[in-house]
Amino acid sequence: MKSLEEFVQLFAEQFDDTDASEIQATTAFHDLDEWSSLIGLSVIAMVDEEFDVALKGDDVKNAVTVEDLYNNVKAKL
């Protein structure tokens, strides 16, 4: 299992215009200007590829912070 820091880095890579330094474990990612459903799909695809975990849209929608999403992925391993 990748660490939280590695997950945050992979998560940040899904954004084109948001500086990676703006994204931390405690970031409420739905509040980011660039957040969209398309980035949500990119995050789901990244989790599937990197962790072999199938997230649902509700998993992303119900997570508040990047760490919440990481914990959700960990729980599904």
PDB file of N, CA and C in Angstrom:
ATOM      1  N   MET A   1       0.841  -1.194   0.000  1.00  0.00           N
ATOM      2  CA  MET A   1       0.000   0.000   0.000  1.00  0.00           C
ATOM      3  C   MET A   1       0.877   1.244   0.000  1.00  0.00           C
ATOM      4  N   LYS A   2       0.551   2.163  -0.857  1.00  0.00           N
ATOM      5  CA  LYS A   2       1.281   3.425  -0.908  1.00  0.00           C
ATOM      6  C   LYS A   2       0.938   4.263   0.328  1.00  0.00           C
ATOM      7  N   SER A   3       1.853   5.141   0.684  1.00  0.00           N
ATOM      8  CA  SER A   3       1.636   6.013   1.837  1.00  0.00           C
ATOM      9  C   SER A   3       0.641   7.117   1.489  1.00  0.00           C
ATOM     10  N   LEU A   4       0.168   7.801   2.513  1.00  0.00           N
ATOM     11  CA  LEU A   4      -0.736   8.931   2.320  1.00  0.00           C
ATOM     12  C   LEU A   4      -0.073   9.996   1.456  1.00  0.00           C
ATOM     13  N   GLU A   5       1.212  10.242   1.695  1.00  0.00           N
ATOM     14  CA  GLU A   5       1.935  11.262   0.924  1.00  0.00           C
ATOM     15  C   GLU A   5       1.978  10.889  -0.559  1.00  0.00           C
ATOM     16  N   GLU A   6       2.202   9.606  -0.863  1.00  0.00           N
ATOM     17  CA  GLU A   6       2.220   9.156  -2.259  1.00  0.00           C
ATOM     18  C   GLU A   6       0.836   9.300  -2.885  1.00  0.00           C
ATOM     19  N   PHE A   7      -0.200   8.993  -2.100  1.00  0.00           N
ATOM     20  CA  PHE A   7      -1.561   9.134  -2.598  1.00  0.00           C
ATOM     21  C   PHE A   7      -1.868  10.596  -2.915  1.00  0.00           C
ATOM     22  N   VAL A   8      -1.471  11.498  -2.028  1.00  0.00           N
ATOM     23  CA  VAL A   8      -1.704  12.935  -2.246  1.00  0.00           C
ATOM     24  C   VAL A   8      -1.005  13.384  -3.532  1.00  0.00           C
ATOM     25  N   GLN A   9       0.214  12.910  -3.744  1.00  0.00           N
ATOM     26  CA  GLN A   9       0.953  13.273  -4.955  1.00  0.00           C
ATOM     27  C   GLN A   9       0.234  12.759  -6.207  1.00  0.00           C
ATOM     28  N   LEU A  10      -0.198  11.507  -6.186  1.00  0.00           N
ATOM     29  CA  LEU A  10      -0.929  10.945  -7.322  1.00  0.00           C
ATOM     30  C   LEU A  10      -2.238  11.697  -7.551  1.00  0.00           C
ATOM     31  N   PHE A  11      -2.918  12.041  -6.465  1.00  0.00           N
ATOM     32  CA  PHE A  11      -4.166  12.805  -6.552  1.00  0.00           C
ATOM     33  C   PHE A  11      -3.896  14.162  -7.218  1.00  0.00           C
ATOM     34  N   ALA A  12      -2.846  14.837  -6.775  1.00  0.00           N
ATOM     35  CA  ALA A  12      -2.509  16.168  -7.298  1.00  0.00           C
ATOM     36  C   ALA A  12      -2.172  16.124  -8.780  1.00  0.00           C
ATOM     37  N   GLU A  13      -1.635  15.006  -9.245  1.00  0.00           N
ATOM     38  CA  GLU A  13      -1.271  14.868 -10.663  1.00  0.00           C
ATOM     39  C   GLU A  13      -2.488  14.868 -11.577  1.00  0.00           C
ATOM     40  N   GLN A  14      -3.672  14.705 -11.044  1.00  0.00           N
ATOM     41  CA  GLN A  14      -4.886  14.688 -11.859  1.00  0.00           C
ATOM     42  C   GLN A  14      -5.317  16.099 -12.262  1.00  0.00           C
ATOM     43  N   PHE A  15      -4.715  17.100 -11.640  1.00  0.00           N
ATOM     44  CA  PHE A  15      -5.068  18.495 -11.907  1.00  0.00           C
ATOM     45  C   PHE A  15      -4.053  19.118 -12.867  1.00  0.00           C
ATOM     46  N   ASP A  16      -4.547  19.876 -13.838  1.00  0.00           N
ATOM     47  CA  ASP A  16      -3.661  20.541 -14.800  1.00  0.00           C
ATOM     48  C   ASP A  16      -3.246  21.927 -14.332  1.00  0.00           C
ATOM     49  N   ASP A  17      -4.184  22.674 -13.755  1.00  0.00           N
ATOM     50  CA  ASP A  17      -3.940  24.087 -13.456  1.00  0.00           C
ATOM     51  C   ASP A  17      -3.727  24.388 -11.978  1.00  0.00           C
ATOM     52  N   THR A  18      -3.975  23.424 -11.127  1.00  0.00           N
ATOM     53  CA  THR A  18      -3.799  23.637  -9.683  1.00  0.00           C
ATOM     54  C   THR A  18      -2.405  23.181  -9.288  1.00  0.00           C
ATOM     55  N   ASP A  19      -1.658  24.050  -8.620  1.00  0.00           N
ATOM     56  CA  ASP A  19      -0.305  23.711  -8.187  1.00  0.00           C
ATOM     57  C   ASP A  19      -0.370  22.577  -7.170  1.00  0.00           C
ATOM     58  N   ALA A  20       0.489  21.589  -7.337  1.00  0.00           N
ATOM     59  CA  ALA A  20       0.487  20.420  -6.458  1.00  0.00           C
ATOM     60  C   ALA A  20       0.691  20.801  -4.996  1.00  0.00           C
ATOM     61  N   SER A  21       1.400  21.905  -4.746  1.00  0.00           N
ATOM     62  CA  SER A  21       1.646  22.328  -3.360  1.00  0.00           C
ATOM     63  C   SER A  21       0.361  22.777  -2.662  1.00  0.00           C
ATOM     64  N   GLU A  22      -0.687  23.086  -3.438  1.00  0.00           N
ATOM     65  CA  GLU A  22      -1.965  23.487  -2.852  1.00  0.00           C
ATOM     66  C   GLU A  22      -2.750  22.293  -2.326  1.00  0.00           C
ATOM     67  N   ILE A  23      -2.362  21.101  -2.740  1.00  0.00           N
ATOM     68  CA  ILE A  23      -3.125  19.910  -2.386  1.00  0.00           C
ATOM     69  C   ILE A  23      -2.388  19.140  -1.293  1.00  0.00           C
ATOM     70  N   GLN A  24      -3.024  19.080  -0.141  1.00  0.00           N
ATOM     71  CA  GLN A  24      -2.493  18.383   1.030  1.00  0.00           C
ATOM     72  C   GLN A  24      -3.482  17.293   1.421  1.00  0.00           C
ATOM     73  N   ALA A  25      -3.106  16.486   2.408  1.00  0.00           N
ATOM     74  CA  ALA A  25      -4.010  15.445   2.910  1.00  0.00           C
ATOM     75  C   ALA A  25      -5.302  16.058   3.456  1.00  0.00           C
ATOM     76  N   THR A  26      -5.199  17.265   4.017  1.00  0.00           N
ATOM     77  CA  THR A  26      -6.350  17.908   4.648  1.00  0.00           C
ATOM     78  C   THR A  26      -7.148  18.795   3.695  1.00  0.00           C
ATOM     79  N   THR A  27      -6.765  18.828   2.430  1.00  0.00           N
ATOM     80  CA  THR A  27      -7.451  19.669   1.448  1.00  0.00           C
ATOM     81  C   THR A  27      -8.867  19.160   1.201  1.00  0.00           C
ATOM     82  N   ALA A  28      -9.842  20.054   1.319  1.00  0.00           N
ATOM     83  CA  ALA A  28     -11.226  19.737   0.943  1.00  0.00           C
ATOM     84  C   ALA A  28     -11.296  19.905  -0.574  1.00  0.00           C
ATOM     85  N   PHE A  29     -11.077  18.801  -1.272  1.00  0.00           N
ATOM     86  CA  PHE A  29     -10.832  18.887  -2.717  1.00  0.00           C
ATOM     87  C   PHE A  29     -12.040  19.360  -3.522  1.00  0.00           C
ATOM     88  N   HIS A  30     -13.245  19.189  -3.020  1.00  0.00           N
ATOM     89  CA  HIS A  30     -14.429  19.672  -3.749  1.00  0.00           C
ATOM     90  C   HIS A  30     -14.422  21.200  -3.832  1.00  0.00           C
ATOM     91  N   ASP A  31     -13.681  21.863  -2.932  1.00  0.00           N
ATOM     92  CA  ASP A  31     -13.629  23.324  -2.906  1.00  0.00           C
ATOM     93  C   ASP A  31     -12.572  23.904  -3.851  1.00  0.00           C
ATOM     94  N   LEU A  32     -11.751  23.046  -4.442  1.00  0.00           N
ATOM     95  CA  LEU A  32     -10.735  23.540  -5.370  1.00  0.00           C
ATOM     96  C   LEU A  32     -11.418  24.085  -6.626  1.00  0.00           C
ATOM     97  N   ASP A  33     -10.914  25.214  -7.133  1.00  0.00           N
ATOM     98  CA  ASP A  33     -11.514  25.844  -8.316  1.00  0.00           C
ATOM     99  C   ASP A  33     -11.559  24.901  -9.504  1.00  0.00           C
ATOM    100  N   GLU A  34     -10.523  24.091  -9.653  1.00  0.00           N
ATOM    101  CA  GLU A  34     -10.419  23.229 -10.825  1.00  0.00           C
ATOM    102  C   GLU A  34     -11.214  21.923 -10.692  1.00  0.00           C
ATOM    103  N   TRP A  35     -11.710  21.609  -9.487  1.00  0.00           N
ATOM    104  CA  TRP A  35     -12.419  20.340  -9.280  1.00  0.00           C
ATOM    105  C   TRP A  35     -13.633  20.249 -10.208  1.00  0.00           C
ATOM    106  N   SER A  36     -13.782  19.116 -10.858  1.00  0.00           N
ATOM    107  CA  SER A  36     -14.929  18.872 -11.737  1.00  0.00           C
ATOM    108  C   SER A  36     -15.227  17.382 -11.745  1.00  0.00           C
ATOM    109  N   SER A  37     -16.338  17.036 -12.340  1.00  0.00           N
ATOM    110  CA  SER A  37     -16.676  15.615 -12.441  1.00  0.00           C
ATOM    111  C   SER A  37     -15.661  14.873 -13.300  1.00  0.00           C
ATOM    112  N   LEU A  38     -15.084  15.566 -14.278  1.00  0.00           N
ATOM    113  CA  LEU A  38     -14.066  14.942 -15.126  1.00  0.00           C
ATOM    114  C   LEU A  38     -12.817  14.592 -14.310  1.00  0.00           C
ATOM    115  N   ILE A  39     -12.407  15.471 -13.427  1.00  0.00           N
ATOM    116  CA  ILE A  39     -11.260  15.166 -12.554  1.00  0.00           C
ATOM    117  C   ILE A  39     -11.645  14.046 -11.591  1.00  0.00           C
ATOM    118  N   GLY A  40     -12.894  14.035 -11.141  1.00  0.00           N
ATOM    119  CA  GLY A  40     -13.371  12.942 -10.300  1.00  0.00           C
ATOM    120  C   GLY A  40     -13.212  11.597 -10.999  1.00  0.00           C
ATOM    121  N   LEU A  41     -13.544  11.552 -12.279  1.00  0.00           N
ATOM    122  CA  LEU A  41     -13.365  10.322 -13.055  1.00  0.00           C
ATOM    123  C   LEU A  41     -11.890   9.975 -13.202  1.00  0.00           C
ATOM    124  N   SER A  42     -11.053  10.981 -13.369  1.00  0.00           N
ATOM    125  CA  SER A  42      -9.605  10.745 -13.453  1.00  0.00           C
ATOM    126  C   SER A  42      -9.079  10.159 -12.148  1.00  0.00           C
ATOM    127  N   VAL A  43      -9.582  10.649 -11.025  1.00  0.00           N
ATOM    128  CA  VAL A  43      -9.173  10.127  -9.720  1.00  0.00           C
ATOM    129  C   VAL A  43      -9.604   8.671  -9.582  1.00  0.00           C
ATOM    130  N   ILE A  44     -10.840   8.362  -9.992  1.00  0.00           N
ATOM    131  CA  ILE A  44     -11.332   6.979  -9.936  1.00  0.00           C
ATOM    132  C   ILE A  44     -10.452   6.072 -10.790  1.00  0.00           C
ATOM    133  N   ALA A  45     -10.090   6.529 -11.995  1.00  0.00           N
ATOM    134  CA  ALA A  45      -9.224   5.743 -12.880  1.00  0.00           C
ATOM    135  C   ALA A  45      -7.833   5.564 -12.281  1.00  0.00           C
ATOM    136  N   MET A  46      -7.284   6.615 -11.668  1.00  0.00           N
ATOM    137  CA  MET A  46      -5.962   6.540 -11.038  1.00  0.00           C
ATOM    138  C   MET A  46      -5.971   5.527  -9.902  1.00  0.00           C
ATOM    139  N   VAL A  47      -7.015   5.555  -9.081  1.00  0.00           N
ATOM    140  CA  VAL A  47      -7.112   4.617  -7.953  1.00  0.00           C
ATOM    141  C   VAL A  47      -7.203   3.184  -8.476  1.00  0.00           C
ATOM    142  N   ASP A  48      -7.967   2.987  -9.541  1.00  0.00           N
ATOM    143  CA  ASP A  48      -8.090   1.657 -10.130  1.00  0.00           C
ATOM    144  C   ASP A  48      -6.739   1.170 -10.641  1.00  0.00           C
ATOM    145  N   GLU A  49      -6.015   2.050 -11.323  1.00  0.00           N
ATOM    146  CA  GLU A  49      -4.718   1.680 -11.907  1.00  0.00           C
ATOM    147  C   GLU A  49      -3.638   1.470 -10.843  1.00  0.00           C
ATOM    148  N   GLU A  50      -3.546   2.380  -9.886  1.00  0.00           N
ATOM    149  CA  GLU A  50      -2.463   2.353  -8.899  1.00  0.00           C
ATOM    150  C   GLU A  50      -2.714   1.394  -7.734  1.00  0.00           C
ATOM    151  N   PHE A  51      -3.993   1.217  -7.378  1.00  0.00           N
ATOM    152  CA  PHE A  51      -4.324   0.463  -6.170  1.00  0.00           C
ATOM    153  C   PHE A  51      -5.180  -0.770  -6.452  1.00  0.00           C
ATOM    154  N   ASP A  52      -5.657  -0.895  -7.685  1.00  0.00           N
ATOM    155  CA  ASP A  52      -6.542  -1.996  -8.069  1.00  0.00           C
ATOM    156  C   ASP A  52      -7.790  -2.011  -7.183  1.00  0.00           C
ATOM    157  N   VAL A  53      -8.316  -0.808  -6.944  1.00  0.00           N
ATOM    158  CA  VAL A  53      -9.534  -0.631  -6.146  1.00  0.00           C
ATOM    159  C   VAL A  53     -10.545   0.119  -7.011  1.00  0.00           C
ATOM    160  N   ALA A  54     -11.774  -0.396  -7.043  1.00  0.00           N
ATOM    161  CA  ALA A  54     -12.833   0.240  -7.824  1.00  0.00           C
ATOM    162  C   ALA A  54     -13.642   1.165  -6.923  1.00  0.00           C
ATOM    163  N   LEU A  55     -13.401   2.456  -7.061  1.00  0.00           N
ATOM    164  CA  LEU A  55     -14.196   3.448  -6.329  1.00  0.00           C
ATOM    165  C   LEU A  55     -15.468   3.738  -7.107  1.00  0.00           C
ATOM    166  N   LYS A  56     -16.505   4.094  -6.393  1.00  0.00           N
ATOM    167  CA  LYS A  56     -17.747   4.532  -7.022  1.00  0.00           C
ATOM    168  C   LYS A  56     -17.803   6.058  -6.935  1.00  0.00           C
ATOM    169  N   GLY A  57     -18.650   6.640  -7.754  1.00  0.00           N
ATOM    170  CA  GLY A  57     -18.825   8.083  -7.720  1.00  0.00           C
ATOM    171  C   GLY A  57     -19.206   8.580  -6.340  1.00  0.00           C
ATOM    172  N   ASP A  58     -20.047   7.808  -5.639  1.00  0.00           N
ATOM    173  CA  ASP A  58     -20.460   8.202  -4.284  1.00  0.00           C
ATOM    174  C   ASP A  58     -19.290   8.206  -3.317  1.00  0.00           C
ATOM    175  N   ASP A  59     -18.299   7.316  -3.531  1.00  0.00           N
ATOM    176  CA  ASP A  59     -17.115   7.302  -2.664  1.00  0.00           C
ATOM    177  C   ASP A  59     -16.388   8.634  -2.753  1.00  0.00           C
ATOM    178  N   VAL A  60     -16.291   9.152  -3.975  1.00  0.00           N
ATOM    179  CA  VAL A  60     -15.616  10.436  -4.183  1.00  0.00           C
ATOM    180  C   VAL A  60     -16.493  11.574  -3.676  1.00  0.00           C
ATOM    181  N   LYS A  61     -17.774  11.496  -3.970  1.00  0.00           N
ATOM    182  CA  LYS A  61     -18.700  12.557  -3.572  1.00  0.00           C
ATOM    183  C   LYS A  61     -18.781  12.694  -2.054  1.00  0.00           C
ATOM    184  N   ASN A  62     -18.748  11.579  -1.338  1.00  0.00           N
ATOM    185  CA  ASN A  62     -18.911  11.607   0.111  1.00  0.00           C
ATOM    186  C   ASN A  62     -17.619  11.911   0.870  1.00  0.00           C
ATOM    187  N   ALA A  63     -16.482  11.815   0.216  1.00  0.00           N
ATOM    188  CA  ALA A  63     -15.207  12.157   0.854  1.00  0.00           C
ATOM    189  C   ALA A  63     -15.089  13.681   0.899  1.00  0.00           C
ATOM    190  N   VAL A  64     -14.563  14.188   2.000  1.00  0.00           N
ATOM    191  CA  VAL A  64     -14.395  15.636   2.127  1.00  0.00           C
ATOM    192  C   VAL A  64     -12.953  16.023   1.806  1.00  0.00           C
ATOM    193  N   THR A  65     -12.005  15.305   2.420  1.00  0.00           N
ATOM    194  CA  THR A  65     -10.593  15.630   2.216  1.00  0.00           C
ATOM    195  C   THR A  65      -9.923  14.530   1.392  1.00  0.00           C
ATOM    196  N   VAL A  66      -8.724  14.822   0.927  1.00  0.00           N
ATOM    197  CA  VAL A  66      -7.943  13.830   0.193  1.00  0.00           C
ATOM    198  C   VAL A  66      -7.662  12.634   1.103  1.00  0.00           C
ATOM    199  N   GLU A  67      -7.421  12.896   2.376  1.00  0.00           N
ATOM    200  CA  GLU A  67      -7.168  11.806   3.316  1.00  0.00           C
ATOM    201  C   GLU A  67      -8.406  10.916   3.498  1.00  0.00           C
ATOM    202  N   ASP A  68      -9.596  11.503   3.477  1.00  0.00           N
ATOM    203  CA  ASP A  68     -10.829  10.703   3.543  1.00  0.00           C
ATOM    204  C   ASP A  68     -10.870   9.711   2.385  1.00  0.00           C
ATOM    205  N   LEU A  69     -10.514  10.194   1.216  1.00  0.00           N
ATOM    206  CA  LEU A  69     -10.516   9.336   0.028  1.00  0.00           C
ATOM    207  C   LEU A  69      -9.463   8.232   0.160  1.00  0.00           C
ATOM    208  N   TYR A  70      -8.294   8.603   0.652  1.00  0.00           N
ATOM    209  CA  TYR A  70      -7.217   7.621   0.883  1.00  0.00           C
ATOM    210  C   TYR A  70      -7.686   6.537   1.855  1.00  0.00           C
ATOM    211  N   ASN A  71      -8.331   6.940   2.932  1.00  0.00           N
ATOM    212  CA  ASN A  71      -8.819   5.970   3.925  1.00  0.00           C
ATOM    213  C   ASN A  71      -9.888   5.057   3.325  1.00  0.00           C
ATOM    214  N   ASN A  72     -10.691   5.613   2.429  1.00  0.00           N
ATOM    215  CA  ASN A  72     -11.707   4.820   1.736  1.00  0.00           C
ATOM    216  C   ASN A  72     -11.034   3.762   0.857  1.00  0.00           C
ATOM    217  N   VAL A  73      -9.981   4.158   0.153  1.00  0.00           N
ATOM    218  CA  VAL A  73      -9.237   3.214  -0.700  1.00  0.00           C
ATOM    219  C   VAL A  73      -8.614   2.133   0.169  1.00  0.00           C
ATOM    220  N   LYS A  74      -7.979   2.538   1.281  1.00  0.00           N
ATOM    221  CA  LYS A  74      -7.355   1.573   2.182  1.00  0.00           C
ATOM    222  C   LYS A  74      -8.353   0.558   2.711  1.00  0.00           C
ATOM    223  N   ALA A  75      -9.556   1.006   3.010  1.00  0.00           N
ATOM    224  CA  ALA A  75     -10.588   0.128   3.546  1.00  0.00           C
ATOM    225  C   ALA A  75     -11.039  -0.913   2.533  1.00  0.00           C
ATOM    226  N   LYS A  76     -10.866  -0.618   1.247  1.00  0.00           N
ATOM    227  CA  LYS A  76     -11.305  -1.531   0.199  1.00  0.00           C
ATOM    228  C   LYS A  76     -10.219  -2.509  -0.227  1.00  0.00           C
ATOM    229  N   LEU A  77      -9.020  -2.366   0.312  1.00  0.00           N
ATOM    230  CA  LEU A  77      -7.925  -3.265  -0.070  1.00  0.00           C
ATOM    231  C   LEU A  77      -8.094  -4.629   0.582  1.00  0.00           C
TER     232      LEU A  77
END
